C-alpha atoms as a PDB file:
ATOM      1  CA  MET A   1     -33.244-122.000 -58.082  1.00  0.00           C
ATOM      2  CA  THR A   2     -35.912-120.640 -55.408  1.00  0.00           C
ATOM      3  CA  VAL A   3     -35.150-116.883 -53.945  1.00  0.00           C
ATOM      4  CA  LYS A   4     -37.440-116.814 -51.030  1.00  0.00           C
ATOM      5  CA  GLY A   5     -40.128-113.773 -51.370  1.00  0.00           C
ATOM      6  CA  ARG A   6     -40.020-113.552 -55.435  1.00  0.00           C
ATOM      7  CA  SER A   7     -41.799-115.577 -58.046  1.00  0.00           C
ATOM      8  CA  GLU A   8     -39.754-114.867 -60.983  1.00  0.00           C
ATOM      9  CA  THR A   9     -37.367-117.336 -62.738  1.00  0.00           C
ATOM     10  CA  ALA A  10     -33.646-117.968 -61.244  1.00  0.00           C
ATOM     11  CA  ARG A  11     -31.661-115.406 -62.966  1.00  0.00           C
ATOM     12  CA  GLY A  12     -34.300-112.766 -62.694  1.00  0.00           C
ATOM     13  CA  LEU A  13     -35.068-112.734 -59.012  1.00  0.00           C
ATOM     14  CA  SER A  14     -31.840-113.459 -58.582  1.00  0.00           C
ATOM     15  CA  ARG A  15     -31.241-110.187 -60.275  1.00  0.00           C
ATOM     16  CA  ALA A  16     -33.736-108.350 -59.105  1.00  0.00           C
ATOM     17  CA  GLY A  17     -33.187-109.268 -55.599  1.00  0.00           C
ATOM     18  CA  GLY A  18     -30.817-112.037 -54.289  1.00  0.00           C
ATOM     19  CA  LEU A  19     -27.681-110.648 -55.924  1.00  0.00           C
ATOM     20  CA  GLU A  20     -28.260-107.210 -54.237  1.00  0.00           C
ATOM     21  CA  ARG A  21     -27.227-108.379 -50.661  1.00  0.00           C
ATOM     22  CA  LEU A  22     -24.486-111.003 -52.604  1.00  0.00           C
ATOM     23  CA  ALA A  23     -22.526-108.446 -53.923  1.00  0.00           C
ATOM     24  CA  SER A  24     -22.168-107.058 -50.548  1.00  0.00           C
ATOM     25  CA  VAL A  25     -20.655-110.306 -49.217  1.00  0.00           C
ATOM     26  CA  ASN A  26     -17.112-110.832 -48.155  1.00  0.00           C
ATOM     27  CA  VAL A  27     -17.165-113.858 -45.844  1.00  0.00           C
ATOM     28  CA  ILE A  28     -18.336-117.357 -47.460  1.00  0.00           C
ATOM     29  CA  ALA A  29     -19.197-120.095 -44.383  1.00  0.00           C
ATOM     30  CA  THR A  30     -19.342-124.112 -45.673  1.00  0.00           C
ATOM     31  CA  ASP A  31     -20.186-127.012 -44.192  1.00  0.00           C
ATOM     32  CA  TYR A  32     -17.689-129.434 -45.398  1.00  0.00           C
ATOM     33  CA  ASP A  33     -19.806-132.831 -45.793  1.00  0.00           C
ATOM     34  CA  ARG A  34     -22.036-132.970 -49.075  1.00  0.00           C
ATOM     35  CA  THR A  35     -22.136-128.901 -48.906  1.00  0.00           C
ATOM     36  CA  LEU A  36     -18.493-128.422 -49.724  1.00  0.00           C
ATOM     37  CA  THR A  37     -17.857-131.701 -51.320  1.00  0.00           C
ATOM     38  CA  GLY A  38     -20.075-133.867 -53.678  1.00  0.00           C
ATOM     39  CA  THR A  39     -22.644-136.307 -51.927  1.00  0.00           C
ATOM     40  CA  ASP A  40     -20.415-138.650 -52.675  1.00  0.00           C
ATOM     41  CA  LEU A  41     -18.050-136.729 -49.909  1.00  0.00           C
ATOM     42  CA  VAL A  42     -15.229-136.493 -52.889  1.00  0.00           C
ATOM     43  CA  LEU A  43     -14.089-132.738 -52.996  1.00  0.00           C
ATOM     44  CA  SER A  44     -14.250-132.204 -56.713  1.00  0.00           C
ATOM     45  CA  PRO A  45     -11.009-129.744 -58.185  1.00  0.00           C
ATOM     46  CA  ARG A  46     -13.660-127.398 -59.690  1.00  0.00           C
ATOM     47  CA  THR A  47     -15.281-126.707 -56.096  1.00  0.00           C
ATOM     48  CA  ILE A  48     -11.486-126.007 -55.365  1.00  0.00           C
ATOM     49  CA  GLU A  49     -10.824-123.533 -57.894  1.00  0.00           C
ATOM     50  CA  ALA A  50     -14.189-121.464 -57.677  1.00  0.00           C
ATOM     51  CA  VAL A  51     -13.165-121.393 -53.214  1.00  0.00           C
ATOM     52  CA  ASP A  52      -9.699-120.272 -54.438  1.00  0.00           C
ATOM     53  CA  ARG A  53     -11.974-117.777 -57.036  1.00  0.00           C
ATOM     54  CA  ALA A  54     -13.420-116.254 -53.599  1.00  0.00           C
ATOM     55  CA  SER A  55     -10.615-116.250 -51.945  1.00  0.00           C
ATOM     56  CA  SER A  56      -8.114-113.800 -54.707  1.00  0.00           C
ATOM     57  CA  ASN A  57     -11.276-112.265 -54.847  1.00  0.00           C
ATOM     58  CA  GLY A  58     -11.130-110.916 -51.496  1.00  0.00           C
ATOM     59  CA  ILE A  59     -14.079-112.931 -49.753  1.00  0.00           C
ATOM     60  CA  SER A  60     -12.586-114.683 -46.357  1.00  0.00           C
ATOM     61  CA  VAL A  61     -13.854-118.486 -47.022  1.00  0.00           C
ATOM     62  CA  ILE A  62     -14.433-120.216 -43.199  1.00  0.00           C
ATOM     63  CA  ILE A  63     -15.365-124.022 -43.227  1.00  0.00           C
ATOM     64  CA  VAL A  64     -18.103-125.171 -40.370  1.00  0.00           C
ATOM     65  CA  SER A  65     -18.090-129.012 -40.122  1.00  0.00           C
ATOM     66  CA  GLY A  66     -18.880-131.550 -37.926  1.00  0.00           C
ATOM     67  CA  ARG A  67     -15.031-133.045 -38.510  1.00  0.00           C
ATOM     68  CA  GLY A  68     -12.035-132.877 -36.306  1.00  0.00           C
ATOM     69  CA  LEU A  69      -9.915-130.374 -36.566  1.00  0.00           C
ATOM     70  CA  ARG A  70      -6.902-132.502 -37.611  1.00  0.00           C
ATOM     71  CA  PHE A  71      -8.705-133.301 -40.492  1.00  0.00           C
ATOM     72  CA  MET A  72     -10.050-130.380 -41.534  1.00  0.00           C
ATOM     73  CA  THR A  73      -6.581-128.904 -40.748  1.00  0.00           C
ATOM     74  CA  ARG A  74      -4.884-131.393 -44.042  1.00  0.00           C
ATOM     75  CA  MET A  75      -8.083-130.831 -45.576  1.00  0.00           C
ATOM     76  CA  SER A  76      -8.017-127.023 -45.670  1.00  0.00           C
ATOM     77  CA  LEU A  77      -4.600-127.378 -47.567  1.00  0.00           C
ATOM     78  CA  MET A  78      -5.910-128.708 -50.454  1.00  0.00           C
ATOM     79  CA  PHE A  79      -7.032-124.875 -51.192  1.00  0.00           C
ATOM     80  CA  ARG A  80      -5.278-121.364 -51.597  1.00  0.00           C
ATOM     81  CA  ARG A  81      -6.478-120.369 -47.980  1.00  0.00           C
ATOM     82  CA  VAL A  82      -8.887-120.528 -45.808  1.00  0.00           C
ATOM     83  CA  ASP A  83      -8.843-118.119 -43.260  1.00  0.00           C
ATOM     84  CA  ALA A  84     -10.547-119.598 -40.320  1.00  0.00           C
ATOM     85  CA  LEU A  85     -11.969-123.306 -39.391  1.00  0.00           C
ATOM     86  CA  VAL A  86     -14.709-123.939 -37.044  1.00  0.00           C
ATOM     87  CA  ALA A  87     -14.873-127.677 -35.848  1.00  0.00           C
ATOM     88  CA  GLU A  88     -16.468-130.384 -33.987  1.00  0.00           C
ATOM     89  CA  ASN A  89     -19.911-128.667 -34.852  1.00  0.00           C
ATOM     90  CA  GLY A  90     -18.779-125.343 -33.348  1.00  0.00           C
ATOM     91  CA  ALA A  91     -16.651-126.955 -30.565  1.00  0.00           C
ATOM     92  CA  VAL A  92     -12.808-125.977 -31.788  1.00  0.00           C
ATOM     93  CA  VAL A  93     -12.610-122.722 -33.556  1.00  0.00           C
ATOM     94  CA  ALA A  94      -8.516-122.003 -35.125  1.00  0.00           C
ATOM     95  CA  PHE A  95      -8.161-119.176 -36.680  1.00  0.00           C
ATOM     96  CA  ASP A  96      -4.107-117.094 -37.334  1.00  0.00           C
ATOM     97  CA  GLY A  97      -2.442-119.802 -34.952  1.00  0.00           C
ATOM     98  CA  GLU A  98      -4.526-119.687 -31.966  1.00  0.00           C
ATOM     99  CA  ILE A  99      -7.456-122.467 -31.016  1.00  0.00           C
ATOM    100  CA  ARG A 100     -10.211-122.248 -29.073  1.00  0.00           C
ATOM    101  CA  ARG A 101     -12.143-125.418 -27.409  1.00  0.00           C
ATOM    102  CA  LEU A 102     -15.494-123.811 -26.087  1.00  0.00           C
ATOM    103  CA  SER A 103     -17.301-125.555 -23.259  1.00  0.00           C
ATOM    104  CA  HIS A 104     -14.029-128.182 -22.818  1.00  0.00           C
ATOM    105  CA  ARG A 105     -14.629-129.315 -19.214  1.00  0.00           C
ATOM    106  CA  THR A 106     -18.260-129.795 -20.045  1.00  0.00           C
ATOM    107  CA  GLY A 107     -16.324-132.057 -23.342  1.00  0.00           C
ATOM    108  CA  GLU A 108     -15.088-134.285 -20.672  1.00  0.00           C
ATOM    109  CA  MET A 109     -18.172-134.956 -18.367  1.00  0.00           C
ATOM    110  CA  ILE A 110     -20.203-136.444 -21.491  1.00  0.00           C
ATOM    111  CA  ALA A 111     -17.527-138.396 -22.510  1.00  0.00           C
ATOM    112  CA  GLU A 112     -17.097-139.519 -18.855  1.00  0.00           C
ATOM    113  CA  THR A 113     -20.737-140.444 -18.850  1.00  0.00           C
ATOM    114  CA  LEU A 114     -20.753-141.617 -22.404  1.00  0.00           C
ATOM    115  CA  ALA A 115     -18.792-144.294 -21.159  1.00  0.00           C
ATOM    116  CA  GLU A 116     -19.831-144.750 -18.069  1.00  0.00           C
ATOM    117  CA  LYS A 117     -23.482-145.722 -19.987  1.00  0.00           C
ATOM    118  CA  GLY A 118     -21.466-148.393 -22.435  1.00  0.00           C
ATOM    119  CA  VAL A 119     -22.587-146.329 -25.041  1.00  0.00           C
ATOM    120  CA  GLY A 120     -19.771-146.524 -27.742  1.00  0.00           C
ATOM    121  CA  PHE A 121     -18.530-143.024 -29.017  1.00  0.00           C
ATOM    122  CA  THR A 122     -14.894-142.018 -30.261  1.00  0.00           C
ATOM    123  CA  LYS A 123     -13.420-138.672 -28.203  1.00  0.00           C
ATOM    124  CA  GLY A 124     -12.964-135.271 -30.047  1.00  0.00           C
ATOM    125  CA  GLU A 125     -10.994-132.463 -28.815  1.00  0.00           C
ATOM    126  CA  VAL A 126     -14.269-131.994 -27.013  1.00  0.00           C
ATOM    127  CA  ILE A 127     -17.341-133.795 -28.623  1.00  0.00           C
ATOM    128  CA  SER A 128     -17.855-137.368 -28.113  1.00  0.00           C
ATOM    129  CA  TYR A 129     -18.834-138.570 -31.697  1.00  0.00           C
ATOM    130  CA  ILE A 130     -21.613-141.693 -31.506  1.00  0.00           C
ATOM    131  CA  ALA A 131     -20.331-145.091 -33.110  1.00  0.00           C
ATOM    132  CA  LYS A 132     -23.080-145.970 -36.009  1.00  0.00           C
ATOM    133  CA  GLY A 133     -25.473-148.141 -34.102  1.00  0.00           C
ATOM    134  CA  HIS A 134     -25.215-146.581 -31.240  1.00  0.00           C
ATOM    135  CA  LEU A 135     -27.588-143.649 -31.489  1.00  0.00           C
ATOM    136  CA  ASN A 136     -30.729-145.002 -29.352  1.00  0.00           C
ATOM    137  CA  GLU A 137     -28.273-145.864 -26.147  1.00  0.00           C
ATOM    138  CA  ALA A 138     -26.801-142.344 -26.707  1.00  0.00           C
ATOM    139  CA  GLU A 139     -29.852-140.973 -26.553  1.00  0.00           C
ATOM    140  CA  GLU A 140     -30.613-142.349 -23.851  1.00  0.00           C
ATOM    141  CA  ALA A 141     -27.504-141.965 -21.772  1.00  0.00           C
ATOM    142  CA  ILE A 142     -27.967-137.842 -22.047  1.00  0.00           C
ATOM    143  CA  LYS A 143     -31.800-137.971 -20.317  1.00  0.00           C
ATOM    144  CA  GLY A 144     -29.228-137.741 -17.006  1.00  0.00           C
ATOM    145  CA  MET A 145     -26.815-134.935 -18.599  1.00  0.00           C
ATOM    146  CA  GLY A 146     -30.041-132.788 -19.979  1.00  0.00           C
ATOM    147  CA  ASP A 147     -28.674-129.353 -18.158  1.00  0.00           C
ATOM    148  CA  TYR A 148     -25.734-129.659 -20.226  1.00  0.00           C
ATOM    149  CA  ALA A 149     -25.607-131.970 -22.578  1.00  0.00           C
ATOM    150  CA  LYS A 150     -27.576-132.419 -26.727  1.00  0.00           C
ATOM    151  CA  LEU A 151     -27.568-135.288 -28.781  1.00  0.00           C
ATOM    152  CA  VAL A 152     -27.061-133.587 -32.764  1.00  0.00           C
ATOM    153  CA  ARG A 153     -28.242-136.153 -35.313  1.00  0.00           C
ATOM    154  CA  ASN A 154     -26.394-135.522 -38.677  1.00  0.00           C
ATOM    155  CA  ILE A 155     -27.733-137.404 -42.140  1.00  0.00           C
ATOM    156  CA  ASP A 156     -26.924-141.116 -40.956  1.00  0.00           C
ATOM    157  CA  SER A 157     -24.768-140.314 -37.759  1.00  0.00           C
ATOM    158  CA  GLY A 158     -24.433-138.140 -34.482  1.00  0.00           C
ATOM    159  CA  MET A 159     -22.739-136.381 -31.404  1.00  0.00           C
ATOM    160  CA  VAL A 160     -23.075-135.546 -28.040  1.00  0.00           C
ATOM    161  CA  LEU A 161     -21.941-132.064 -27.204  1.00  0.00           C
ATOM    162  CA  PRO A 162     -22.209-129.478 -24.801  1.00  0.00           C
ATOM    163  CA  LEU A 163     -25.823-127.905 -24.300  1.00  0.00           C
ATOM    164  CA  ASP A 164     -24.075-123.732 -25.269  1.00  0.00           C
ATOM    165  CA  VAL A 165     -22.130-125.300 -28.163  1.00  0.00           C
ATOM    166  CA  ASP A 166     -23.399-125.715 -31.658  1.00  0.00           C
ATOM    167  CA  LYS A 167     -21.882-124.885 -35.379  1.00  0.00           C
ATOM    168  CA  ASP A 168     -23.704-121.232 -34.803  1.00  0.00           C
ATOM    169  CA  ARG A 169     -21.547-120.428 -31.251  1.00  0.00           C
ATOM    170  CA  GLY A 170     -18.311-121.680 -33.314  1.00  0.00           C
ATOM    171  CA  LEU A 171     -19.590-119.576 -36.893  1.00  0.00           C
ATOM    172  CA  THR A 172     -19.785-116.608 -34.382  1.00  0.00           C
ATOM    173  CA  VAL A 173     -16.637-116.954 -32.314  1.00  0.00           C
ATOM    174  CA  ALA A 174     -14.592-116.918 -36.195  1.00  0.00           C
ATOM    175  CA  LEU A 175     -16.471-114.041 -37.498  1.00  0.00           C
ATOM    176  CA  GLU A 176     -15.153-111.695 -34.170  1.00  0.00           C
ATOM    177  CA  LEU A 177     -11.632-113.107 -34.479  1.00  0.00           C
ATOM    178  CA  MET A 178     -11.579-111.830 -37.907  1.00  0.00           C
ATOM    179  CA  GLY A 179     -13.148-108.741 -37.374  1.00  0.00           C
ATOM    180  CA  LYS A 180     -16.281-109.534 -39.891  1.00  0.00           C
ATOM    181  CA  SER A 181     -19.530-109.385 -39.702  1.00  0.00           C
ATOM    182  CA  GLU A 182     -22.572-111.738 -40.289  1.00  0.00           C
ATOM    183  CA  ILE A 183     -24.592-109.406 -42.177  1.00  0.00           C
ATOM    184  CA  ARG A 184     -21.771-109.588 -44.917  1.00  0.00           C
ATOM    185  CA  THR A 185     -21.696-113.516 -44.691  1.00  0.00           C
ATOM    186  CA  VAL A 186     -23.298-116.401 -46.473  1.00  0.00           C
ATOM    187  CA  VAL A 187     -24.160-119.555 -45.048  1.00  0.00           C
ATOM    188  CA  VAL A 188     -23.806-122.522 -46.755  1.00  0.00           C
ATOM    189  CA  GLY A 189     -25.405-126.299 -45.751  1.00  0.00           C
ATOM    190  CA  ASP A 190     -26.845-129.581 -46.186  1.00  0.00           C
ATOM    191  CA  GLY A 191     -27.485-131.217 -42.659  1.00  0.00           C
ATOM    192  CA  GLU A 192     -29.612-131.043 -39.739  1.00  0.00           C
ATOM    193  CA  ASN A 193     -26.732-129.889 -37.822  1.00  0.00           C
ATOM    194  CA  ASP A 194     -26.448-126.869 -39.406  1.00  0.00           C
ATOM    195  CA  ILE A 195     -29.722-125.445 -39.181  1.00  0.00           C
ATOM    196  CA  SER A 196     -28.367-123.343 -35.753  1.00  0.00           C
ATOM    197  CA  LEU A 197     -25.984-121.660 -38.547  1.00  0.00           C
ATOM    198  CA  PHE A 198     -29.948-120.858 -40.558  1.00  0.00           C
ATOM    199  CA  THR A 199     -30.811-118.879 -37.721  1.00  0.00           C
ATOM    200  CA  MET A 200     -27.892-116.437 -37.681  1.00  0.00           C
ATOM    201  CA  ASN A 201     -28.197-112.861 -39.036  1.00  0.00           C
ATOM    202  CA  THR A 202     -26.801-114.469 -42.120  1.00  0.00           C
ATOM    203  CA  LEU A 203     -27.737-114.978 -46.004  1.00  0.00           C
ATOM    204  CA  LYS A 204     -28.618-118.448 -45.423  1.00  0.00           C
ATOM    205  CA  VAL A 205     -28.021-120.883 -48.975  1.00  0.00           C
ATOM    206  CA  ALA A 206     -29.272-124.030 -49.197  1.00  0.00           C
ATOM    207  CA  LEU A 207     -28.335-126.859 -51.655  1.00  0.00           C
ATOM    208  CA  SER A 208     -30.431-129.297 -53.909  1.00  0.00           C
ATOM    209  CA  ASN A 209     -29.395-132.353 -51.575  1.00  0.00           C
ATOM    210  CA  SER A 210     -30.208-130.179 -48.517  1.00  0.00           C
ATOM    211  CA  VAL A 211     -32.913-131.234 -45.538  1.00  0.00           C
ATOM    212  CA  GLU A 212     -36.155-130.127 -45.407  1.00  0.00           C
ATOM    213  CA  GLN A 213     -35.602-127.910 -42.755  1.00  0.00           C
ATOM    214  CA  LEU A 214     -33.269-126.006 -44.046  1.00  0.00           C
ATOM    215  CA  LYS A 215     -34.760-125.008 -47.405  1.00  0.00           C
ATOM    216  CA  GLU A 216     -37.542-123.719 -45.724  1.00  0.00           C
ATOM    217  CA  LEU A 217     -34.844-121.322 -42.889  1.00  0.00           C
ATOM    218  CA  ALA A 218     -32.548-120.818 -46.781  1.00  0.00           C
ATOM    219  CA  ASP A 219     -33.003-117.660 -48.243  1.00  0.00           C
ATOM    220  CA  ILE A 220     -31.661-118.890 -51.459  1.00  0.00           C
ATOM    221  CA  VAL A 221     -31.900-122.562 -52.181  1.00  0.00           C
ATOM    222  CA  LEU A 222     -30.471-123.831 -55.007  1.00  0.00           C
ATOM    223  CA  ASP A 223     -31.225-126.184 -58.012  1.00  0.00           C
ATOM    224  CA  SER A 224     -27.301-127.862 -57.880  1.00  0.00           C
ATOM    225  CA  PRO A 225     -26.637-130.606 -54.959  1.00  0.00           C
ATOM    226  CA  GLY A 226     -23.011-130.226 -52.759  1.00  0.00           C
ATOM    227  CA  GLY A 227     -19.943-128.967 -53.801  1.00  0.00           C
ATOM    228  CA  GLN A 228     -21.544-127.337 -57.273  1.00  0.00           C
ATOM    229  CA  GLY A 229     -23.684-125.217 -55.596  1.00  0.00           C
ATOM    230  CA  ILE A 230     -20.986-123.702 -53.793  1.00  0.00           C
ATOM    231  CA  VAL A 231     -19.496-122.984 -57.512  1.00  0.00           C
ATOM    232  CA  GLU A 232     -22.687-121.738 -58.287  1.00  0.00           C
ATOM    233  CA  ILE A 233     -22.829-119.208 -54.873  1.00  0.00           C
ATOM    234  CA  VAL A 234     -19.493-117.916 -55.682  1.00  0.00           C
ATOM    235  CA  ASP A 235     -20.234-117.192 -59.294  1.00  0.00           C
ATOM    236  CA  MET A 236     -23.296-115.249 -57.870  1.00  0.00           C
ATOM    237  CA  ILE A 237     -21.491-113.373 -55.461  1.00  0.00           C
ATOM    238  CA  LEU A 238     -18.584-112.031 -58.223  1.00  0.00           C
ATOM    239  CA  SER A 239     -20.877-111.839 -60.754  1.00  0.00           C
ATOM    240  CA  GLY A 240     -23.396-109.314 -58.106  1.00  0.00           C
ATOM    241  CA  ARG A 241     -19.974-107.555 -57.299  1.00  0.00           C
ATOM    242  CA  SER A 242     -19.386-107.019 -61.442  1.00  0.00           C
ATOM    243  CA  ASP A 243     -22.531-105.681 -61.992  1.00  0.00           C
ATOM    244  CA  ARG A 244     -22.678-103.118 -58.964  1.00  0.00           C
ATOM    245  CA  GLN A 245     -19.360-101.974 -60.186  1.00  0.00           C
ATOM    246  CA  LEU A 246     -20.767-101.272 -63.602  1.00  0.00           C
ATOM    247  CA  SER A 247     -23.568 -99.620 -62.502  1.00  0.00           C
ATOM    248  CA  LYS A 248     -21.452 -97.465 -60.097  1.00  0.00           C
ATOM    249  CA  GLU A 249     -18.942 -96.209 -63.907  1.00  0.00           C
ATOM    250  CA  LYS A 250     -22.407 -95.919 -65.622  1.00  0.00           C
END
């Protein structure tokens, strides 16, 4: 593991600096594919247990994904508690029974134009998921939508979404609804569509399987991939809290 700004060994530098800030974290906002799951896209019991342990210790959990809300709602039932969902790459936010669709009308305009151009895609509630093999067509199509649409790549897939929508906007809305702050939030991601999360005033954690852009922006880069990294960061947060409590009691 690497903590930026230090050259000591992983555990040593964590306790010297990184865990100081981790101890104050009260929100974990994590991507789903290859972050919460393993690189094989399987959600492991060990990762579920770690997330549940975080929830049991008063840490709010937000899952932020490019996936649709229907899938994310079903998936969230595997956990004891998920406080909020940010779906469709930030375009759809679900919290406490309320669903907010950001830039919904722009999303409709994008879908209409993609259809007219013959681009293969699947329409979400707001964004358009580009079919494999159609990314180049999508790039051409959005040239005429440059003032209101953008193409976001994610490993081997892509999506077209309103220009003013991304994961950072969706997470900001979720945090505001929950009454939580960026400064006490840790974000974890692996792909190109997580880059906007790493521009926020949060503690940024990249995994061993994260793209290089995220590793460069991250405060902490873990040696573990996917769900193993989530287990590690939960352990670090809870360990930091315990250390701080022991220090207060001395």
